[in-house]
Amino acid sequence: VPYMLVIGEKEAESGQVAVRRRDKGDMGAVAVDEFIQTVLADIADK
């Protein structure tokens, strides 16, 4: 699986997830909706 999500207290309060990607490393915190759109685009583009 190319993604690892970290959801701590800070992320839960702000509606974000901290994203780490296998090939790009730490990508920082992003909004949940933004992450979902990124994954859907990756799936569509394969």
ModelCIF file with pLDDT and N, C-alpha, C, O atoms, coordinates in Angstrom:
data_MODEL
#
_entry.id   MODEL 
#
_entity.id                         1 
_entity.type                       polymer 
_entity.pdbx_number_of_molecules   1 
#
_entity_poly.entity_id                      1 
_entity_poly.type                           'polypeptide(L)' 
_entity_poly.nstd_linkage                   no 
_entity_poly.nstd_monomer                   no 
_entity_poly.pdbx_seq_one_letter_code       VPYMLVIGEKEAESGQVAVRRRDKGDMGAVAVDEFIQTVLADIADK 
_entity_poly.pdbx_seq_one_letter_code_can   VPYMLVIGEKEAESGQVAVRRRDKGDMGAVAVDEFIQTVLADIADK 
_entity_poly.pdbx_strand_id                 A 
#
loop_
_entity_poly_seq.entity_id 
_entity_poly_seq.num 
_entity_poly_seq.mon_id 
_entity_poly_seq.hetero 
1 1  VAL n 
1 2  PRO n 
1 3  TYR n 
1 4  MET n 
1 5  LEU n 
1 6  VAL n 
1 7  ILE n 
1 8  GLY n 
1 9  GLU n 
1 10 LYS n 
1 11 GLU n 
1 12 ALA n 
1 13 GLU n 
1 14 SER n 
1 15 GLY n 
1 16 GLN n 
1 17 VAL n 
1 18 ALA n 
1 19 VAL n 
1 20 ARG n 
1 21 ARG n 
1 22 ARG n 
1 23 ASP n 
1 24 LYS n 
1 25 GLY n 
1 26 ASP n 
1 27 MET n 
1 28 GLY n 
1 29 ALA n 
1 30 VAL n 
1 31 ALA n 
1 32 VAL n 
1 33 ASP n 
1 34 GLU n 
1 35 PHE n 
1 36 ILE n 
1 37 GLN n 
1 38 THR n 
1 39 VAL n 
1 40 LEU n 
1 41 ALA n 
1 42 ASP n 
1 43 ILE n 
1 44 ALA n 
1 45 ASP n 
1 46 LYS n 
#
_struct_asym.id          A 
_struct_asym.entity_id   1 
#
loop_
_ma_qa_metric.id 
_ma_qa_metric.mode 
_ma_qa_metric.name 
_ma_qa_metric.software_group_id 
_ma_qa_metric.type 
1 global pLDDT . pLDDT 
2 local  pLDDT . pLDDT 
#
_ma_qa_metric_global.metric_id      1 
_ma_qa_metric_global.metric_value   91.63 
_ma_qa_metric_global.model_id       1 
_ma_qa_metric_global.ordinal_id     1 
#
loop_
_ma_qa_metric_local.label_asym_id 
_ma_qa_metric_local.label_comp_id 
_ma_qa_metric_local.label_seq_id 
_ma_qa_metric_local.metric_id 
_ma_qa_metric_local.metric_value 
_ma_qa_metric_local.model_id 
_ma_qa_metric_local.ordinal_id 
A VAL 1  2 78.00 1 1  
A PRO 2  2 87.00 1 2  
A TYR 3  2 90.00 1 3  
A MET 4  2 93.00 1 4  
A LEU 5  2 94.00 1 5  
A VAL 6  2 93.00 1 6  
A ILE 7  2 94.00 1 7  
A GLY 8  2 94.00 1 8  
A GLU 9  2 94.00 1 9  
A LYS 10 2 93.00 1 10 
A GLU 11 2 92.00 1 11 
A ALA 12 2 93.00 1 12 
A GLU 13 2 94.00 1 13 
A SER 14 2 94.00 1 14 
A GLY 15 2 94.00 1 15 
A GLN 16 2 96.00 1 16 
A VAL 17 2 96.00 1 17 
A ALA 18 2 96.00 1 18 
A VAL 19 2 95.00 1 19 
A ARG 20 2 94.00 1 20 
A ARG 21 2 90.00 1 21 
A ARG 22 2 87.00 1 22 
A ASP 23 2 86.00 1 23 
A LYS 24 2 88.00 1 24 
A GLY 25 2 92.00 1 25 
A ASP 26 2 94.00 1 26 
A MET 27 2 92.00 1 27 
A GLY 28 2 93.00 1 28 
A ALA 29 2 95.00 1 29 
A VAL 30 2 96.00 1 30 
A ALA 31 2 96.00 1 31 
A VAL 32 2 95.00 1 32 
A ASP 33 2 96.00 1 33 
A GLU 34 2 95.00 1 34 
A PHE 35 2 94.00 1 35 
A ILE 36 2 95.00 1 36 
A GLN 37 2 95.00 1 37 
A THR 38 2 90.00 1 38 
A VAL 39 2 89.00 1 39 
A LEU 40 2 91.00 1 40 
A ALA 41 2 90.00 1 41 
A ASP 42 2 84.00 1 42 
A ILE 43 2 85.00 1 43 
A ALA 44 2 88.00 1 44 
A ASP 45 2 86.00 1 45 
A LYS 46 2 79.00 1 46 
#
loop_
_atom_site.group_PDB 
_atom_site.id 
_atom_site.type_symbol 
_atom_site.label_atom_id 
_atom_site.label_alt_id 
_atom_site.label_comp_id 
_atom_site.label_asym_id 
_atom_site.label_entity_id 
_atom_site.label_seq_id 
_atom_site.pdbx_PDB_ins_code 
_atom_site.Cartn_x 
_atom_site.Cartn_y 
_atom_site.Cartn_z 
_atom_site.occupancy 
_atom_site.B_iso_or_equiv 
_atom_site.pdbx_formal_charge 
_atom_site.auth_seq_id 
_atom_site.auth_comp_id 
_atom_site.auth_asym_id 
_atom_site.auth_atom_id 
_atom_site.pdbx_PDB_model_num 
ATOM 1   N N  . VAL A 1 1  ? 0.866   -1.172 0.000   1.00 78.00 ? 1  VAL A N  1 
ATOM 2   C CA . VAL A 1 1  ? 0.000   0.000  0.000   1.00 78.00 ? 1  VAL A CA 1 
ATOM 3   C C  . VAL A 1 1  ? 0.906   1.227  0.000   1.00 78.00 ? 1  VAL A C  1 
ATOM 4   O O  . VAL A 1 1  ? 1.788   1.328  0.853   1.00 78.00 ? 1  VAL A O  1 
ATOM 5   N N  . PRO A 1 2  ? 0.715   2.169  -0.938  1.00 87.00 ? 2  PRO A N  1 
ATOM 6   C CA . PRO A 1 2  ? 1.651   3.279  -1.065  1.00 87.00 ? 2  PRO A CA 1 
ATOM 7   C C  . PRO A 1 2  ? 1.478   4.398  -0.048  1.00 87.00 ? 2  PRO A C  1 
ATOM 8   O O  . PRO A 1 2  ? 2.317   5.297  0.010   1.00 87.00 ? 2  PRO A O  1 
ATOM 9   N N  . TYR A 1 3  ? 0.431   4.375  0.747   1.00 90.00 ? 3  TYR A N  1 
ATOM 10  C CA . TYR A 1 3  ? 0.174   5.462  1.684   1.00 90.00 ? 3  TYR A CA 1 
ATOM 11  C C  . TYR A 1 3  ? 0.125   4.960  3.121   1.00 90.00 ? 3  TYR A C  1 
ATOM 12  O O  . TYR A 1 3  ? -0.323  3.847  3.397   1.00 90.00 ? 3  TYR A O  1 
ATOM 13  N N  . MET A 1 4  ? 0.597   5.809  4.029   1.00 93.00 ? 4  MET A N  1 
ATOM 14  C CA . MET A 1 4  ? 0.391   5.579  5.447   1.00 93.00 ? 4  MET A CA 1 
ATOM 15  C C  . MET A 1 4  ? -0.181  6.875  6.006   1.00 93.00 ? 4  MET A C  1 
ATOM 16  O O  . MET A 1 4  ? 0.375   7.950  5.781   1.00 93.00 ? 4  MET A O  1 
ATOM 17  N N  . LEU A 1 5  ? -1.292  6.776  6.735   1.00 94.00 ? 5  LEU A N  1 
ATOM 18  C CA . LEU A 1 5  ? -1.938  7.949  7.316   1.00 94.00 ? 5  LEU A CA 1 
ATOM 19  C C  . LEU A 1 5  ? -1.758  7.926  8.821   1.00 94.00 ? 5  LEU A C  1 
ATOM 20  O O  . LEU A 1 5  ? -1.896  6.888  9.468   1.00 94.00 ? 5  LEU A O  1 
ATOM 21  N N  . VAL A 1 6  ? -1.447  9.093  9.363   1.00 93.00 ? 6  VAL A N  1 
ATOM 22  C CA . VAL A 1 6  ? -1.317  9.243  10.806  1.00 93.00 ? 6  VAL A CA 1 
ATOM 23  C C  . VAL A 1 6  ? -2.374  10.249 11.248  1.00 93.00 ? 6  VAL A C  1 
ATOM 24  O O  . VAL A 1 6  ? -2.430  11.373 10.748  1.00 93.00 ? 6  VAL A O  1 
ATOM 25  N N  . ILE A 1 7  ? -3.202  9.829  12.185  1.00 94.00 ? 7  ILE A N  1 
ATOM 26  C CA . ILE A 1 7  ? -4.253  10.705 12.695  1.00 94.00 ? 7  ILE A CA 1 
ATOM 27  C C  . ILE A 1 7  ? -4.111  10.778 14.203  1.00 94.00 ? 7  ILE A C  1 
ATOM 28  O O  . ILE A 1 7  ? -4.531  9.878  14.930  1.00 94.00 ? 7  ILE A O  1 
ATOM 29  N N  . GLY A 1 8  ? -3.515  11.857 14.654  1.00 94.00 ? 8  GLY A N  1 
ATOM 30  C CA . GLY A 1 8  ? -3.367  12.098 16.082  1.00 94.00 ? 8  GLY A CA 1 
ATOM 31  C C  . GLY A 1 8  ? -4.419  13.082 16.557  1.00 94.00 ? 8  GLY A C  1 
ATOM 32  O O  . GLY A 1 8  ? -5.349  13.415 15.823  1.00 94.00 ? 8  GLY A O  1 
ATOM 33  N N  . GLU A 1 9  ? -4.270  13.533 17.759  1.00 94.00 ? 9  GLU A N  1 
ATOM 34  C CA . GLU A 1 9  ? -5.235  14.467 18.337  1.00 94.00 ? 9  GLU A CA 1 
ATOM 35  C C  . GLU A 1 9  ? -5.290  15.767 17.532  1.00 94.00 ? 9  GLU A C  1 
ATOM 36  O O  . GLU A 1 9  ? -6.372  16.291 17.269  1.00 94.00 ? 9  GLU A O  1 
ATOM 37  N N  . LYS A 1 10 ? -4.132  16.281 17.144  1.00 93.00 ? 10 LYS A N  1 
ATOM 38  C CA . LYS A 1 10 ? -4.066  17.541 16.385  1.00 93.00 ? 10 LYS A CA 1 
ATOM 39  C C  . LYS A 1 10 ? -4.768  17.410 15.029  1.00 93.00 ? 10 LYS A C  1 
ATOM 40  O O  . LYS A 1 10 ? -5.517  18.298 14.622  1.00 93.00 ? 10 LYS A O  1 
ATOM 41  N N  . GLU A 1 11 ? -4.519  16.297 14.337  1.00 92.00 ? 11 GLU A N  1 
ATOM 42  C CA . GLU A 1 11 ? -5.148  16.082 13.034  1.00 92.00 ? 11 GLU A CA 1 
ATOM 43  C C  . GLU A 1 11 ? -6.659  15.885 13.180  1.00 92.00 ? 11 GLU A C  1 
ATOM 44  O O  . GLU A 1 11 ? -7.434  16.394 12.371  1.00 92.00 ? 11 GLU A O  1 
ATOM 45  N N  . ALA A 1 12 ? -7.070  15.156 14.198  1.00 93.00 ? 12 ALA A N  1 
ATOM 46  C CA . ALA A 1 12 ? -8.498  14.909 14.417  1.00 93.00 ? 12 ALA A CA 1 
ATOM 47  C C  . ALA A 1 12 ? -9.242  16.219 14.668  1.00 93.00 ? 12 ALA A C  1 
ATOM 48  O O  . ALA A 1 12 ? -10.348 16.411 14.163  1.00 93.00 ? 12 ALA A O  1 
ATOM 49  N N  . GLU A 1 13 ? -8.646  17.110 15.438  1.00 94.00 ? 13 GLU A N  1 
ATOM 50  C CA . GLU A 1 13 ? -9.291  18.398 15.732  1.00 94.00 ? 13 GLU A CA 1 
ATOM 51  C C  . GLU A 1 13 ? -9.400  19.279 14.492  1.00 94.00 ? 13 GLU A C  1 
ATOM 52  O O  . GLU A 1 13 ? -10.359 20.038 14.350  1.00 94.00 ? 13 GLU A O  1 
ATOM 53  N N  . SER A 1 14 ? -8.415  19.179 13.592  1.00 94.00 ? 14 SER A N  1 
ATOM 54  C CA . SER A 1 14 ? -8.397  20.055 12.421  1.00 94.00 ? 14 SER A CA 1 
ATOM 55  C C  . SER A 1 14 ? -8.989  19.412 11.172  1.00 94.00 ? 14 SER A C  1 
ATOM 56  O O  . SER A 1 14 ? -9.053  20.055 10.124  1.00 94.00 ? 14 SER A O  1 
ATOM 57  N N  . GLY A 1 15 ? -9.421  18.153 11.261  1.00 94.00 ? 15 GLY A N  1 
ATOM 58  C CA . GLY A 1 15 ? -10.014 17.476 10.105  1.00 94.00 ? 15 GLY A CA 1 
ATOM 59  C C  . GLY A 1 15 ? -8.986  17.134 9.041   1.00 94.00 ? 15 GLY A C  1 
ATOM 60  O O  . GLY A 1 15 ? -9.294  17.130 7.849   1.00 94.00 ? 15 GLY A O  1 
ATOM 61  N N  . GLN A 1 16 ? -7.768  16.849 9.469   1.00 96.00 ? 16 GLN A N  1 
ATOM 62  C CA . GLN A 1 16 ? -6.693  16.539 8.538   1.00 96.00 ? 16 GLN A CA 1 
ATOM 63  C C  . GLN A 1 16 ? -6.097  15.174 8.833   1.00 96.00 ? 16 GLN A C  1 
ATOM 64  O O  . GLN A 1 16 ? -6.370  14.569 9.870   1.00 96.00 ? 16 GLN A O  1 
ATOM 65  N N  . VAL A 1 17 ? -5.278  14.700 7.904   1.00 96.00 ? 17 VAL A N  1 
ATOM 66  C CA . VAL A 1 17 ? -4.494  13.486 8.096   1.00 96.00 ? 17 VAL A CA 1 
ATOM 67  C C  . VAL A 1 17 ? -3.059  13.792 7.706   1.00 96.00 ? 17 VAL A C  1 
ATOM 68  O O  . VAL A 1 17 ? -2.818  14.523 6.745   1.00 96.00 ? 17 VAL A O  1 
ATOM 69  N N  . ALA A 1 18 ? -2.107  13.241 8.440   1.00 96.00 ? 18 ALA A N  1 
ATOM 70  C CA . ALA A 1 18 ? -0.696  13.355 8.073   1.00 96.00 ? 18 ALA A CA 1 
ATOM 71  C C  . ALA A 1 18 ? -0.403  12.205 7.121   1.00 96.00 ? 18 ALA A C  1 
ATOM 72  O O  . ALA A 1 18 ? -0.658  11.046 7.445   1.00 96.00 ? 18 ALA A O  1 
ATOM 73  N N  . VAL A 1 19 ? 0.128   12.522 5.954   1.00 95.00 ? 19 VAL A N  1 
ATOM 74  C CA . VAL A 1 19 ? 0.301   11.537 4.893   1.00 95.00 ? 19 VAL A CA 1 
ATOM 75  C C  . VAL A 1 19 ? 1.787   11.250 4.676   1.00 95.00 ? 19 VAL A C  1 
ATOM 76  O O  . VAL A 1 19 ? 2.612   12.159 4.586   1.00 95.00 ? 19 VAL A O  1 
ATOM 77  N N  . ARG A 1 20 ? 2.094   9.966  4.596   1.00 94.00 ? 20 ARG A N  1 
ATOM 78  C CA . ARG A 1 20 ? 3.428   9.522  4.184   1.00 94.00 ? 20 ARG A CA 1 
ATOM 79  C C  . ARG A 1 20 ? 3.230   8.597  3.002   1.00 94.00 ? 20 ARG A C  1 
ATOM 80  O O  . ARG A 1 20 ? 2.408   7.682  3.041   1.00 94.00 ? 20 ARG A O  1 
ATOM 81  N N  . ARG A 1 21 ? 3.988   8.843  1.956   1.00 90.00 ? 21 ARG A N  1 
ATOM 82  C CA . ARG A 1 21 ? 3.879   8.023  0.759   1.00 90.00 ? 21 ARG A CA 1 
ATOM 83  C C  . ARG A 1 21 ? 5.167   7.233  0.573   1.00 90.00 ? 21 ARG A C  1 
ATOM 84  O O  . ARG A 1 21 ? 6.261   7.764  0.762   1.00 90.00 ? 21 ARG A O  1 
ATOM 85  N N  . ARG A 1 22 ? 5.037   5.987  0.210   1.00 87.00 ? 22 ARG A N  1 
ATOM 86  C CA . ARG A 1 22 ? 6.181   5.084  0.108   1.00 87.00 ? 22 ARG A CA 1 
ATOM 87  C C  . ARG A 1 22 ? 7.295   5.660  -0.759  1.00 87.00 ? 22 ARG A C  1 
ATOM 88  O O  . ARG A 1 22 ? 8.466   5.555  -0.395  1.00 87.00 ? 22 ARG A O  1 
ATOM 89  N N  . ASP A 1 23 ? 6.964   6.260  -1.886  1.00 86.00 ? 23 ASP A N  1 
ATOM 90  C CA . ASP A 1 23 ? 7.994   6.745  -2.800  1.00 86.00 ? 23 ASP A CA 1 
ATOM 91  C C  . ASP A 1 23 ? 8.381   8.209  -2.595  1.00 86.00 ? 23 ASP A C  1 
ATOM 92  O O  . ASP A 1 23 ? 9.414   8.641  -3.106  1.00 86.00 ? 23 ASP A O  1 
ATOM 93  N N  . LYS A 1 24 ? 7.577   8.986  -1.857  1.00 88.00 ? 24 LYS A N  1 
ATOM 94  C CA . LYS A 1 24 ? 7.847   10.411 -1.684  1.00 88.00 ? 24 LYS A CA 1 
ATOM 95  C C  . LYS A 1 24 ? 8.111   10.820 -0.245  1.00 88.00 ? 24 LYS A C  1 
ATOM 96  O O  . LYS A 1 24 ? 8.472   11.968 0.014   1.00 88.00 ? 24 LYS A O  1 
ATOM 97  N N  . GLY A 1 25 ? 7.939   9.910  0.681   1.00 92.00 ? 25 GLY A N  1 
ATOM 98  C CA . GLY A 1 25 ? 8.184   10.222 2.087   1.00 92.00 ? 25 GLY A CA 1 
ATOM 99  C C  . GLY A 1 25 ? 7.058   11.035 2.701   1.00 92.00 ? 25 GLY A C  1 
ATOM 100 O O  . GLY A 1 25 ? 5.905   10.949 2.279   1.00 92.00 ? 25 GLY A O  1 
ATOM 101 N N  . ASP A 1 26 ? 7.414   11.827 3.708   1.00 94.00 ? 26 ASP A N  1 
ATOM 102 C CA . ASP A 1 26 ? 6.434   12.612 4.458   1.00 94.00 ? 26 ASP A CA 1 
ATOM 103 C C  . ASP A 1 26 ? 5.885   13.735 3.583   1.00 94.00 ? 26 ASP A C  1 
ATOM 104 O O  . ASP A 1 26 ? 6.642   14.559 3.070   1.00 94.00 ? 26 ASP A O  1 
ATOM 105 N N  . MET A 1 27 ? 4.582   13.760 3.419   1.00 92.00 ? 27 MET A N  1 
ATOM 106 C CA . MET A 1 27 ? 3.930   14.779 2.588   1.00 92.00 ? 27 MET A CA 1 
ATOM 107 C C  . MET A 1 27 ? 3.209   15.816 3.440   1.00 92.00 ? 27 MET A C  1 
ATOM 108 O O  . MET A 1 27 ? 2.581   16.727 2.901   1.00 92.00 ? 27 MET A O  1 
ATOM 109 N N  . GLY A 1 28 ? 3.292   15.689 4.759   1.00 93.00 ? 28 GLY A N  1 
ATOM 110 C CA . GLY A 1 28 ? 2.670   16.656 5.648   1.00 93.00 ? 28 GLY A CA 1 
ATOM 111 C C  . GLY A 1 28 ? 1.183   16.396 5.845   1.00 93.00 ? 28 GLY A C  1 
ATOM 112 O O  . GLY A 1 28 ? 0.640   15.388 5.394   1.00 93.00 ? 28 GLY A O  1 
ATOM 113 N N  . ALA A 1 29 ? 0.543   17.337 6.534   1.00 95.00 ? 29 ALA A N  1 
ATOM 114 C CA . ALA A 1 29 ? -0.883  17.210 6.837   1.00 95.00 ? 29 ALA A CA 1 
ATOM 115 C C  . ALA A 1 29 ? -1.715  17.823 5.719   1.00 95.00 ? 29 ALA A C  1 
ATOM 116 O O  . ALA A 1 29 ? -1.404  18.904 5.219   1.00 95.00 ? 29 ALA A O  1 
ATOM 117 N N  . VAL A 1 30 ? -2.768  17.127 5.337   1.00 96.00 ? 30 VAL A N  1 
ATOM 118 C CA . VAL A 1 30 ? -3.703  17.615 4.323   1.00 96.00 ? 30 VAL A CA 1 
ATOM 119 C C  . VAL A 1 30 ? -5.125  17.336 4.794   1.00 96.00 ? 30 VAL A C  1 
ATOM 120 O O  . VAL A 1 30 ? -5.351  16.463 5.632   1.00 96.00 ? 30 VAL A O  1 
ATOM 121 N N  . ALA A 1 31 ? -6.070  18.078 4.255   1.00 96.00 ? 31 ALA A N  1 
ATOM 122 C CA . ALA A 1 31 ? -7.477  17.852 4.571   1.00 96.00 ? 31 ALA A CA 1 
ATOM 123 C C  . ALA A 1 31 ? -7.897  16.476 4.060   1.00 96.00 ? 31 ALA A C  1 
ATOM 124 O O  . ALA A 1 31 ? -7.394  15.999 3.042   1.00 96.00 ? 31 ALA A O  1 
ATOM 125 N N  . VAL A 1 32 ? -8.815  15.852 4.770   1.00 95.00 ? 32 VAL A N  1 
ATOM 126 C CA . VAL A 1 32 ? -9.282  14.517 4.402   1.00 95.00 ? 32 VAL A CA 1 
ATOM 127 C C  . VAL A 1 32 ? -9.831  14.511 2.981   1.00 95.00 ? 32 VAL A C  1 
ATOM 128 O O  . VAL A 1 32 ? -9.501  13.618 2.200   1.00 95.00 ? 32 VAL A O  1 
ATOM 129 N N  . ASP A 1 33 ? -10.655 15.484 2.633   1.00 96.00 ? 33 ASP A N  1 
ATOM 130 C CA . ASP A 1 33 ? -11.234 15.548 1.283   1.00 96.00 ? 33 ASP A CA 1 
ATOM 131 C C  . ASP A 1 33 ? -10.145 15.674 0.219   1.00 96.00 ? 33 ASP A C  1 
ATOM 132 O O  . ASP A 1 33 ? -10.245 15.064 -0.846  1.00 96.00 ? 33 ASP A O  1 
ATOM 133 N N  . GLU A 1 34 ? -9.119  16.453 0.499   1.00 95.00 ? 34 GLU A N  1 
ATOM 134 C CA . GLU A 1 34 ? -8.011  16.615 -0.445  1.00 95.00 ? 34 GLU A CA 1 
ATOM 135 C C  . GLU A 1 34 ? -7.269  15.289 -0.641  1.00 95.00 ? 34 GLU A C  1 
ATOM 136 O O  . GLU A 1 34 ? -6.905  14.934 -1.762  1.00 95.00 ? 34 GLU A O  1 
ATOM 137 N N  . PHE A 1 35 ? -7.051  14.564 0.452   1.00 94.00 ? 35 PHE A N  1 
ATOM 138 C CA . PHE A 1 35 ? -6.389  13.267 0.344   1.00 94.00 ? 35 PHE A CA 1 
ATOM 139 C C  . PHE A 1 35 ? -7.220  12.297 -0.485  1.00 94.00 ? 35 PHE A C  1 
ATOM 140 O O  . PHE A 1 35 ? -6.680  11.581 -1.329  1.00 94.00 ? 35 PHE A O  1 
ATOM 141 N N  . ILE A 1 36 ? -8.514  12.269 -0.254  1.00 95.00 ? 36 ILE A N  1 
ATOM 142 C CA . ILE A 1 36 ? -9.399  11.378 -1.015  1.00 95.00 ? 36 ILE A CA 1 
ATOM 143 C C  . ILE A 1 36 ? -9.319  11.698 -2.503  1.00 95.00 ? 36 ILE A C  1 
ATOM 144 O O  . ILE A 1 36 ? -9.237  10.788 -3.327  1.00 95.00 ? 36 ILE A O  1 
ATOM 145 N N  . GLN A 1 37 ? -9.341  12.969 -2.851  1.00 95.00 ? 37 GLN A N  1 
ATOM 146 C CA . GLN A 1 37 ? -9.248  13.360 -4.259  1.00 95.00 ? 37 GLN A CA 1 
ATOM 147 C C  . GLN A 1 37 ? -7.906  12.940 -4.865  1.00 95.00 ? 37 GLN A C  1 
ATOM 148 O O  . GLN A 1 37 ? -7.848  12.520 -6.021  1.00 95.00 ? 37 GLN A O  1 
ATOM 149 N N  . THR A 1 38 ? -6.837  13.053 -4.088  1.00 90.00 ? 38 THR A N  1 
ATOM 150 C CA . THR A 1 38 ? -5.514  12.636 -4.559  1.00 90.00 ? 38 THR A CA 1 
ATOM 151 C C  . THR A 1 38 ? -5.488  11.141 -4.856  1.00 90.00 ? 38 THR A C  1 
ATOM 152 O O  . THR A 1 38 ? -4.979  10.718 -5.894  1.00 90.00 ? 38 THR A O  1 
ATOM 153 N N  . VAL A 1 39 ? -6.037  10.344 -3.946  1.00 89.00 ? 39 VAL A N  1 
ATOM 154 C CA . VAL A 1 39 ? -6.056  8.895  -4.145  1.00 89.00 ? 39 VAL A CA 1 
ATOM 155 C C  . VAL A 1 39 ? -6.927  8.521  -5.337  1.00 89.00 ? 39 VAL A C  1 
ATOM 156 O O  . VAL A 1 39 ? -6.551  7.657  -6.129  1.00 89.00 ? 39 VAL A O  1 
ATOM 157 N N  . LEU A 1 40 ? -8.078  9.155  -5.475  1.00 91.00 ? 40 LEU A N  1 
ATOM 158 C CA . LEU A 1 40 ? -8.944  8.866  -6.617  1.00 91.00 ? 40 LEU A CA 1 
ATOM 159 C C  . LEU A 1 40 ? -8.261  9.216  -7.934  1.00 91.00 ? 40 LEU A C  1 
ATOM 160 O O  . LEU A 1 40 ? -8.401  8.486  -8.915  1.00 91.00 ? 40 LEU A O  1 
ATOM 161 N N  . ALA A 1 41 ? -7.521  10.326 -7.967  1.00 90.00 ? 41 ALA A N  1 
ATOM 162 C CA . ALA A 1 41 ? -6.781  10.708 -9.171  1.00 90.00 ? 41 ALA A CA 1 
ATOM 163 C C  . ALA A 1 41 ? -5.674  9.694  -9.463  1.00 90.00 ? 41 ALA A C  1 
ATOM 164 O O  . ALA A 1 41 ? -5.456  9.333  -10.619 1.00 90.00 ? 41 ALA A O  1 
ATOM 165 N N  . ASP A 1 42 ? -4.978  9.235  -8.427  1.00 84.00 ? 42 ASP A N  1 
ATOM 166 C CA . ASP A 1 42 ? -3.930  8.225  -8.610  1.00 84.00 ? 42 ASP A CA 1 
ATOM 167 C C  . ASP A 1 42 ? -4.519  6.930  -9.162  1.00 84.00 ? 42 ASP A C  1 
ATOM 168 O O  . ASP A 1 42 ? -3.926  6.294  -10.034 1.00 84.00 ? 42 ASP A O  1 
ATOM 169 N N  . ILE A 1 43 ? -5.670  6.548  -8.658  1.00 85.00 ? 43 ILE A N  1 
ATOM 170 C CA . ILE A 1 43 ? -6.321  5.327  -9.152  1.00 85.00 ? 43 ILE A CA 1 
ATOM 171 C C  . ILE A 1 43 ? -6.727  5.492  -10.616 1.00 85.00 ? 43 ILE A C  1 
ATOM 172 O O  . ILE A 1 43 ? -6.516  4.592  -11.429 1.00 85.00 ? 43 ILE A O  1 
ATOM 173 N N  . ALA A 1 44 ? -7.313  6.653  -10.947 1.00 88.00 ? 44 ALA A N  1 
ATOM 174 C CA . ALA A 1 44 ? -7.739  6.891  -12.324 1.00 88.00 ? 44 ALA A CA 1 
ATOM 175 C C  . ALA A 1 44 ? -6.561  6.906  -13.288 1.00 88.00 ? 44 ALA A C  1 
ATOM 176 O O  . ALA A 1 44 ? -6.658  6.411  -14.411 1.00 88.00 ? 44 ALA A O  1 
ATOM 177 N N  . ASP A 1 45 ? -5.435  7.485  -12.835 1.00 86.00 ? 45 ASP A N  1 
ATOM 178 C CA . ASP A 1 45 ? -4.239  7.563  -13.673 1.00 86.00 ? 45 ASP A CA 1 
ATOM 179 C C  . ASP A 1 45 ? -3.398  6.297  -13.589 1.00 86.00 ? 45 ASP A C  1 
ATOM 180 O O  . ASP A 1 45 ? -2.465  6.108  -14.370 1.00 86.00 ? 45 ASP A O  1 
ATOM 181 N N  . LYS A 1 46 ? -3.733  5.430  -12.635 1.00 79.00 ? 46 LYS A N  1 
ATOM 182 C CA . LYS A 1 46 ? -2.978  4.206  -12.370 1.00 79.00 ? 46 LYS A CA 1 
ATOM 183 C C  . LYS A 1 46 ? -1.497  4.509  -12.149 1.00 79.00 ? 46 LYS A C  1 
ATOM 184 O O  . LYS A 1 46 ? -0.708  3.595  -11.912 1.00 79.00 ? 46 LYS A O  1 
#
